[in-house]
Amino acid sequence: MSTIQVHLPDSLQQQLHVLAARDGISIDQFIATAVAEKMAALMPEAYLEERAQRGSRAKYEAALAKVPDVEPAPYDKLPQP
């Protein structure tokens, strides 16, 4: 794990303390999550490509085979045109 130093305006730091406490997490956890969320928003194609590289058709079919072959509930059906 790495350490970085970030300079924040006092008002932003105060809000950071409040929000982290409200979520019941440390400031470090809050910032790490915020950075991860921002990176995911900026790099969706690269993220999905990396995930696709780890997958395989065999794993997909194995997971799909576990799904029961039943009609969906009425609320879960697509509307008919």
PDB file of N, CA and C in Angstrom:
ATOM      1  N   MET A   1       0.840  -1.165   0.000  1.00  0.00           N
ATOM      2  CA  MET A   1       0.000   0.000   0.000  1.00  0.00           C
ATOM      3  C   MET A   1       0.886   1.230   0.000  1.00  0.00           C
ATOM      4  N   SER A   2       0.421   2.273  -0.659  1.00  0.00           N
ATOM      5  CA  SER A   2       1.192   3.506  -0.766  1.00  0.00           C
ATOM      6  C   SER A   2       0.559   4.613   0.060  1.00  0.00           C
ATOM      7  N   THR A   3       1.372   5.612   0.357  1.00  0.00           N
ATOM      8  CA  THR A   3       0.906   6.775   1.096  1.00  0.00           C
ATOM      9  C   THR A   3       1.063   7.999   0.217  1.00  0.00           C
ATOM     10  N   ILE A   4       0.019   8.835   0.182  1.00  0.00           N
ATOM     11  CA  ILE A   4       0.111  10.110  -0.522  1.00  0.00           C
ATOM     12  C   ILE A   4      -0.348  11.214   0.412  1.00  0.00           C
ATOM     13  N   GLN A   5       0.117  12.417   0.148  1.00  0.00           N
ATOM     14  CA  GLN A   5      -0.295  13.565   0.939  1.00  0.00           C
ATOM     15  C   GLN A   5      -1.149  14.450   0.045  1.00  0.00           C
ATOM     16  N   VAL A   6      -2.322  14.826   0.536  1.00  0.00           N
ATOM     17  CA  VAL A   6      -3.244  15.644  -0.237  1.00  0.00           C
ATOM     18  C   VAL A   6      -3.578  16.886   0.579  1.00  0.00           C
ATOM     19  N   HIS A   7      -3.524  18.038  -0.059  1.00  0.00           N
ATOM     20  CA  HIS A   7      -3.896  19.290   0.591  1.00  0.00           C
ATOM     21  C   HIS A   7      -5.330  19.621   0.204  1.00  0.00           C
ATOM     22  N   LEU A   8      -6.185  19.765   1.217  1.00  0.00           N
ATOM     23  CA  LEU A   8      -7.593  20.059   0.994  1.00  0.00           C
ATOM     24  C   LEU A   8      -7.958  21.368   1.668  1.00  0.00           C
ATOM     25  N   PRO A   9      -8.896  22.100   1.081  1.00  0.00           N
ATOM     26  CA  PRO A   9      -9.416  23.271   1.801  1.00  0.00           C
ATOM     27  C   PRO A   9     -10.074  22.818   3.099  1.00  0.00           C
ATOM     28  N   ASP A  10     -10.040  23.667   4.111  1.00  0.00           N
ATOM     29  CA  ASP A  10     -10.592  23.308   5.419  1.00  0.00           C
ATOM     30  C   ASP A  10     -12.051  22.871   5.323  1.00  0.00           C
ATOM     31  N   SER A  11     -12.830  23.563   4.519  1.00  0.00           N
ATOM     32  CA  SER A  11     -14.254  23.223   4.417  1.00  0.00           C
ATOM     33  C   SER A  11     -14.447  21.824   3.846  1.00  0.00           C
ATOM     34  N   LEU A  12     -13.626  21.460   2.883  1.00  0.00           N
ATOM     35  CA  LEU A  12     -13.720  20.125   2.290  1.00  0.00           C
ATOM     36  C   LEU A  12     -13.288  19.059   3.289  1.00  0.00           C
ATOM     37  N   GLN A  13     -12.270  19.336   4.040  1.00  0.00           N
ATOM     38  CA  GLN A  13     -11.807  18.386   5.049  1.00  0.00           C
ATOM     39  C   GLN A  13     -12.855  18.192   6.138  1.00  0.00           C
ATOM     40  N   GLN A  14     -13.528  19.254   6.531  1.00  0.00           N
ATOM     41  CA  GLN A  14     -14.585  19.130   7.544  1.00  0.00           C
ATOM     42  C   GLN A  14     -15.709  18.244   7.027  1.00  0.00           C
ATOM     43  N   GLN A  15     -16.121  18.450   5.792  1.00  0.00           N
ATOM     44  CA  GLN A  15     -17.168  17.627   5.206  1.00  0.00           C
ATOM     45  C   GLN A  15     -16.716  16.175   5.086  1.00  0.00           C
ATOM     46  N   LEU A  16     -15.446  15.976   4.765  1.00  0.00           N
ATOM     47  CA  LEU A  16     -14.884  14.632   4.672  1.00  0.00           C
ATOM     48  C   LEU A  16     -15.020  13.899   6.001  1.00  0.00           C
ATOM     49  N   HIS A  17     -14.681  14.563   7.087  1.00  0.00           N
ATOM     50  CA  HIS A  17     -14.807  13.963   8.413  1.00  0.00           C
ATOM     51  C   HIS A  17     -16.258  13.599   8.711  1.00  0.00           C
ATOM     52  N   VAL A  18     -17.179  14.504   8.389  1.00  0.00           N
ATOM     53  CA  VAL A  18     -18.602  14.278   8.667  1.00  0.00           C
ATOM     54  C   VAL A  18     -19.121  13.082   7.871  1.00  0.00           C
ATOM     55  N   LEU A  19     -18.818  13.045   6.570  1.00  0.00           N
ATOM     56  CA  LEU A  19     -19.331  11.977   5.711  1.00  0.00           C
ATOM     57  C   LEU A  19     -18.729  10.618   6.058  1.00  0.00           C
ATOM     58  N   ALA A  20     -17.447  10.595   6.346  1.00  0.00           N
ATOM     59  CA  ALA A  20     -16.818   9.320   6.724  1.00  0.00           C
ATOM     60  C   ALA A  20     -17.410   8.808   8.030  1.00  0.00           C
ATOM     61  N   ALA A  21     -17.603   9.699   8.983  1.00  0.00           N
ATOM     62  CA  ALA A  21     -18.190   9.290  10.271  1.00  0.00           C
ATOM     63  C   ALA A  21     -19.623   8.797  10.062  1.00  0.00           C
ATOM     64  N   ARG A  22     -20.364   9.479   9.211  1.00  0.00           N
ATOM     65  CA  ARG A  22     -21.745   9.073   8.947  1.00  0.00           C
ATOM     66  C   ARG A  22     -21.802   7.671   8.348  1.00  0.00           C
ATOM     67  N   ASP A  23     -20.824   7.363   7.479  1.00  0.00           N
ATOM     68  CA  ASP A  23     -20.767   6.034   6.873  1.00  0.00           C
ATOM     69  C   ASP A  23     -20.100   4.995   7.777  1.00  0.00           C
ATOM     70  N   GLY A  24     -19.531   5.440   8.874  1.00  0.00           N
ATOM     71  CA  GLY A  24     -18.886   4.524   9.803  1.00  0.00           C
ATOM     72  C   GLY A  24     -17.580   3.951   9.275  1.00  0.00           C
ATOM     73  N   ILE A  25     -16.877   4.735   8.457  1.00  0.00           N
ATOM     74  CA  ILE A  25     -15.606   4.281   7.896  1.00  0.00           C
ATOM     75  C   ILE A  25     -14.525   5.324   8.172  1.00  0.00           C
ATOM     76  N   SER A  26     -13.287   4.911   7.986  1.00  0.00           N
ATOM     77  CA  SER A  26     -12.177   5.840   8.191  1.00  0.00           C
ATOM     78  C   SER A  26     -12.093   6.811   7.012  1.00  0.00           C
ATOM     79  N   ILE A  27     -11.396   7.896   7.236  1.00  0.00           N
ATOM     80  CA  ILE A  27     -11.187   8.870   6.166  1.00  0.00           C
ATOM     81  C   ILE A  27     -10.396   8.225   5.033  1.00  0.00           C
ATOM     82  N   ASP A  28      -9.416   7.401   5.373  1.00  0.00           N
ATOM     83  CA  ASP A  28      -8.644   6.700   4.348  1.00  0.00           C
ATOM     84  C   ASP A  28      -9.548   5.821   3.484  1.00  0.00           C
ATOM     85  N   GLN A  29     -10.458   5.097   4.123  1.00  0.00           N
ATOM     86  CA  GLN A  29     -11.382   4.247   3.372  1.00  0.00           C
ATOM     87  C   GLN A  29     -12.291   5.090   2.491  1.00  0.00           C
ATOM     88  N   PHE A  30     -12.772   6.194   3.017  1.00  0.00           N
ATOM     89  CA  PHE A  30     -13.654   7.076   2.255  1.00  0.00           C
ATOM     90  C   PHE A  30     -12.947   7.594   1.009  1.00  0.00           C
ATOM     91  N   ILE A  31     -11.724   8.060   1.186  1.00  0.00           N
ATOM     92  CA  ILE A  31     -10.966   8.609   0.051  1.00  0.00           C
ATOM     93  C   ILE A  31     -10.635   7.513  -0.960  1.00  0.00           C
ATOM     94  N   ALA A  32     -10.229   6.338  -0.492  1.00  0.00           N
ATOM     95  CA  ALA A  32      -9.918   5.240  -1.415  1.00  0.00           C
ATOM     96  C   ALA A  32     -11.144   4.852  -2.232  1.00  0.00           C
ATOM     97  N   THR A  33     -12.300   4.812  -1.584  1.00  0.00           N
ATOM     98  CA  THR A  33     -13.538   4.490  -2.294  1.00  0.00           C
ATOM     99  C   THR A  33     -13.885   5.570  -3.300  1.00  0.00           C
ATOM    100  N   ALA A  34     -13.732   6.821  -2.908  1.00  0.00           N
ATOM    101  CA  ALA A  34     -14.032   7.934  -3.812  1.00  0.00           C
ATOM    102  C   ALA A  34     -13.123   7.910  -5.037  1.00  0.00           C
ATOM    103  N   VAL A  35     -11.849   7.623  -4.832  1.00  0.00           N
ATOM    104  CA  VAL A  35     -10.909   7.542  -5.952  1.00  0.00           C
ATOM    105  C   VAL A  35     -11.275   6.372  -6.864  1.00  0.00           C
ATOM    106  N   ALA A  36     -11.607   5.232  -6.278  1.00  0.00           N
ATOM    107  CA  ALA A  36     -11.991   4.064  -7.078  1.00  0.00           C
ATOM    108  C   ALA A  36     -13.244   4.349  -7.896  1.00  0.00           C
ATOM    109  N   GLU A  37     -14.232   5.026  -7.294  1.00  0.00           N
ATOM    110  CA  GLU A  37     -15.458   5.366  -8.019  1.00  0.00           C
ATOM    111  C   GLU A  37     -15.159   6.305  -9.180  1.00  0.00           C
ATOM    112  N   LYS A  38     -14.330   7.281  -8.965  1.00  0.00           N
ATOM    113  CA  LYS A  38     -13.982   8.237 -10.023  1.00  0.00           C
ATOM    114  C   LYS A  38     -13.234   7.525 -11.149  1.00  0.00           C
ATOM    115  N   MET A  39     -12.304   6.650 -10.799  1.00  0.00           N
ATOM    116  CA  MET A  39     -11.556   5.922 -11.817  1.00  0.00           C
ATOM    117  C   MET A  39     -12.477   5.025 -12.632  1.00  0.00           C
ATOM    118  N   ALA A  40     -13.422   4.367 -11.966  1.00  0.00           N
ATOM    119  CA  ALA A  40     -14.364   3.506 -12.671  1.00  0.00           C
ATOM    120  C   ALA A  40     -15.222   4.313 -13.630  1.00  0.00           C
ATOM    121  N   ALA A  41     -15.587   5.534 -13.237  1.00  0.00           N
ATOM    122  CA  ALA A  41     -16.399   6.391 -14.104  1.00  0.00           C
ATOM    123  C   ALA A  41     -15.610   6.861 -15.318  1.00  0.00           C
ATOM    124  N   LEU A  42     -14.317   7.051 -15.158  1.00  0.00           N
ATOM    125  CA  LEU A  42     -13.490   7.563 -16.246  1.00  0.00           C
ATOM    126  C   LEU A  42     -12.925   6.470 -17.149  1.00  0.00           C
ATOM    127  N   MET A  43     -12.927   5.223 -16.667  1.00  0.00           N
ATOM    128  CA  MET A  43     -12.295   4.153 -17.422  1.00  0.00           C
ATOM    129  C   MET A  43     -13.206   2.941 -17.622  1.00  0.00           C
ATOM    130  N   PRO A  44     -14.477   3.133 -17.974  1.00  0.00           N
ATOM    131  CA  PRO A  44     -15.362   1.963 -18.065  1.00  0.00           C
ATOM    132  C   PRO A  44     -14.951   0.972 -19.142  1.00  0.00           C
ATOM    133  N   GLU A  45     -14.501   1.455 -20.272  1.00  0.00           N
ATOM    134  CA  GLU A  45     -14.128   0.540 -21.360  1.00  0.00           C
ATOM    135  C   GLU A  45     -12.926  -0.304 -20.974  1.00  0.00           C
ATOM    136  N   ALA A  46     -11.918   0.329 -20.405  1.00  0.00           N
ATOM    137  CA  ALA A  46     -10.723  -0.416 -19.992  1.00  0.00           C
ATOM    138  C   ALA A  46     -11.065  -1.414 -18.891  1.00  0.00           C
ATOM    139  N   TYR A  47     -11.931  -1.008 -17.955  1.00  0.00           N
ATOM    140  CA  TYR A  47     -12.337  -1.895 -16.872  1.00  0.00           C
ATOM    141  C   TYR A  47     -13.069  -3.113 -17.424  1.00  0.00           C
ATOM    142  N   LEU A  48     -14.022  -2.876 -18.320  1.00  0.00           N
ATOM    143  CA  LEU A  48     -14.784  -3.987 -18.874  1.00  0.00           C
ATOM    144  C   LEU A  48     -13.906  -4.903 -19.721  1.00  0.00           C
ATOM    145  N   GLU A  49     -12.978  -4.336 -20.451  1.00  0.00           N
ATOM    146  CA  GLU A  49     -12.061  -5.140 -21.259  1.00  0.00           C
ATOM    147  C   GLU A  49     -11.203  -6.033 -20.360  1.00  0.00           C
ATOM    148  N   GLU A  50     -10.709  -5.458 -19.252  1.00  0.00           N
ATOM    149  CA  GLU A  50      -9.890  -6.241 -18.321  1.00  0.00           C
ATOM    150  C   GLU A  50     -10.715  -7.369 -17.708  1.00  0.00           C
ATOM    151  N   ARG A  51     -11.958  -7.085 -17.328  1.00  0.00           N
ATOM    152  CA  ARG A  51     -12.826  -8.122 -16.774  1.00  0.00           C
ATOM    153  C   ARG A  51     -13.118  -9.193 -17.814  1.00  0.00           C
ATOM    154  N   ALA A  52     -13.319  -8.795 -19.069  1.00  0.00           N
ATOM    155  CA  ALA A  52     -13.608  -9.755 -20.128  1.00  0.00           C
ATOM    156  C   ALA A  52     -12.430 -10.703 -20.340  1.00  0.00           C
ATOM    157  N   GLN A  53     -11.225 -10.193 -20.192  1.00  0.00           N
ATOM    158  CA  GLN A  53     -10.038 -11.027 -20.378  1.00  0.00           C
ATOM    159  C   GLN A  53      -9.949 -12.123 -19.323  1.00  0.00           C
ATOM    160  N   ARG A  54     -10.507 -11.877 -18.150  1.00  0.00           N
ATOM    161  CA  ARG A  54     -10.458 -12.880 -17.076  1.00  0.00           C
ATOM    162  C   ARG A  54     -11.553 -13.924 -17.219  1.00  0.00           C
ATOM    163  N   GLY A  55     -12.555 -13.639 -18.007  1.00  0.00           N
ATOM    164  CA  GLY A  55     -13.677 -14.558 -18.158  1.00  0.00           C
ATOM    165  C   GLY A  55     -13.422 -15.585 -19.250  1.00  0.00           C
ATOM    166  N   SER A  56     -14.343 -16.525 -19.338  1.00  0.00           N
ATOM    167  CA  SER A  56     -14.253 -17.520 -20.394  1.00  0.00           C
ATOM    168  C   SER A  56     -15.658 -17.989 -20.742  1.00  0.00           C
ATOM    169  N   ARG A  57     -15.824 -18.486 -21.927  1.00  0.00           N
ATOM    170  CA  ARG A  57     -17.121 -19.001 -22.357  1.00  0.00           C
ATOM    171  C   ARG A  57     -17.544 -20.177 -21.470  1.00  0.00           C
ATOM    172  N   ALA A  58     -16.601 -21.008 -21.086  1.00  0.00           N
ATOM    173  CA  ALA A  58     -16.918 -22.167 -20.241  1.00  0.00           C
ATOM    174  C   ALA A  58     -17.457 -21.718 -18.883  1.00  0.00           C
ATOM    175  N   LYS A  59     -16.846 -20.688 -18.275  1.00  0.00           N
ATOM    176  CA  LYS A  59     -17.326 -20.179 -16.994  1.00  0.00           C
ATOM    177  C   LYS A  59     -18.715 -19.572 -17.149  1.00  0.00           C
ATOM    178  N   TYR A  60     -18.924 -18.851 -18.241  1.00  0.00           N
ATOM    179  CA  TYR A  60     -20.233 -18.247 -18.509  1.00  0.00           C
ATOM    180  C   TYR A  60     -21.302 -19.333 -18.614  1.00  0.00           C
ATOM    181  N   GLU A  61     -21.024 -20.365 -19.390  1.00  0.00           N
ATOM    182  CA  GLU A  61     -21.999 -21.437 -19.580  1.00  0.00           C
ATOM    183  C   GLU A  61     -22.236 -22.210 -18.286  1.00  0.00           C
ATOM    184  N   ALA A  62     -21.203 -22.367 -17.466  1.00  0.00           N
ATOM    185  CA  ALA A  62     -21.366 -23.054 -16.182  1.00  0.00           C
ATOM    186  C   ALA A  62     -22.270 -22.239 -15.256  1.00  0.00           C
ATOM    187  N   ALA A  63     -22.091 -20.936 -15.235  1.00  0.00           N
ATOM    188  CA  ALA A  63     -22.948 -20.084 -14.407  1.00  0.00           C
ATOM    189  C   ALA A  63     -24.370 -20.082 -14.940  1.00  0.00           C
ATOM    190  N   LEU A  64     -24.525 -20.013 -16.248  1.00  0.00           N
ATOM    191  CA  LEU A  64     -25.846 -20.007 -16.864  1.00  0.00           C
ATOM    192  C   LEU A  64     -26.586 -21.319 -16.611  1.00  0.00           C
ATOM    193  N   ALA A  65     -25.863 -22.418 -16.536  1.00  0.00           N
ATOM    194  CA  ALA A  65     -26.477 -23.723 -16.298  1.00  0.00           C
ATOM    195  C   ALA A  65     -27.102 -23.812 -14.901  1.00  0.00           C
ATOM    196  N   LYS A  66     -26.667 -22.972 -13.982  1.00  0.00           N
ATOM    197  CA  LYS A  66     -27.210 -22.971 -12.626  1.00  0.00           C
ATOM    198  C   LYS A  66     -28.538 -22.223 -12.522  1.00  0.00           C
ATOM    199  N   VAL A  67     -28.878 -21.460 -13.565  1.00  0.00           N
ATOM    200  CA  VAL A  67     -30.112 -20.675 -13.539  1.00  0.00           C
ATOM    201  C   VAL A  67     -31.282 -21.593 -13.859  1.00  0.00           C
ATOM    202  N   PRO A  68     -32.321 -21.606 -13.023  1.00  0.00           N
ATOM    203  CA  PRO A  68     -33.465 -22.485 -13.300  1.00  0.00           C
ATOM    204  C   PRO A  68     -34.182 -22.070 -14.590  1.00  0.00           C
ATOM    205  N   ASP A  69     -34.676 -23.046 -15.305  1.00  0.00           N
ATOM    206  CA  ASP A  69     -35.384 -22.800 -16.565  1.00  0.00           C
ATOM    207  C   ASP A  69     -36.875 -22.663 -16.263  1.00  0.00           C
ATOM    208  N   VAL A  70     -37.251 -21.497 -15.801  1.00  0.00           N
ATOM    209  CA  VAL A  70     -38.646 -21.235 -15.448  1.00  0.00           C
ATOM    210  C   VAL A  70     -39.080 -19.903 -16.064  1.00  0.00           C
ATOM    211  N   GLU A  71     -40.371 -19.747 -16.243  1.00  0.00           N
ATOM    212  CA  GLU A  71     -40.909 -18.491 -16.745  1.00  0.00           C
ATOM    213  C   GLU A  71     -40.670 -17.395 -15.699  1.00  0.00           C
ATOM    214  N   PRO A  72     -40.373 -16.190 -16.155  1.00  0.00           N
ATOM    215  CA  PRO A  72     -40.197 -15.104 -15.195  1.00  0.00           C
ATOM    216  C   PRO A  72     -41.527 -14.715 -14.556  1.00  0.00           C
ATOM    217  N   ALA A  73     -41.453 -14.120 -13.374  1.00  0.00           N
ATOM    218  CA  ALA A  73     -42.655 -13.623 -12.709  1.00  0.00           C
ATOM    219  C   ALA A  73     -43.285 -12.539 -13.585  1.00  0.00           C
ATOM    220  N   PRO A  74     -44.592 -12.323 -13.504  1.00  0.00           N
ATOM    221  CA  PRO A  74     -45.255 -11.330 -14.359  1.00  0.00           C
ATOM    222  C   PRO A  74     -44.623  -9.945 -14.293  1.00  0.00           C
ATOM    223  N   TYR A  75     -44.185  -9.526 -13.105  1.00  0.00           N
ATOM    224  CA  TYR A  75     -43.588  -8.196 -12.974  1.00  0.00           C
ATOM    225  C   TYR A  75     -42.213  -8.103 -13.633  1.00  0.00           C
ATOM    226  N   ASP A  76     -41.615  -9.249 -13.967  1.00  0.00           N
ATOM    227  CA  ASP A  76     -40.273  -9.278 -14.523  1.00  0.00           C
ATOM    228  C   ASP A  76     -40.258  -9.522 -16.025  1.00  0.00           C
ATOM    229  N   LYS A  77     -41.420  -9.620 -16.639  1.00  0.00           N
ATOM    230  CA  LYS A  77     -41.506  -9.867 -18.078  1.00  0.00           C
ATOM    231  C   LYS A  77     -41.400  -8.560 -18.842  1.00  0.00           C
ATOM    232  N   LEU A  78     -40.830  -8.649 -20.035  1.00  0.00           N
ATOM    233  CA  LEU A  78     -40.757  -7.487 -20.910  1.00  0.00           C
ATOM    234  C   LEU A  78     -42.141  -7.220 -21.499  1.00  0.00           C
ATOM    235  N   PRO A  79     -42.491  -5.947 -21.636  1.00  0.00           N
ATOM    236  CA  PRO A  79     -43.793  -5.657 -22.244  1.00  0.00           C
ATOM    237  C   PRO A  79     -43.811  -6.068 -23.706  1.00  0.00           C
ATOM    238  N   GLN A  80     -44.945  -6.581 -24.137  1.00  0.00           N
ATOM    239  CA  GLN A  80     -45.106  -6.991 -25.533  1.00  0.00           C
ATOM    240  C   GLN A  80     -45.556  -5.786 -26.360  1.00  0.00           C
ATOM    241  N   PRO A  81     -44.956  -5.614 -27.546  1.00  0.00           N
ATOM    242  CA  PRO A  81     -45.337  -4.452 -28.386  1.00  0.00           C
ATOM    243  C   PRO A  81     -46.740  -4.555 -28.941  1.00  0.00           C
TER     244      PRO A  81
END
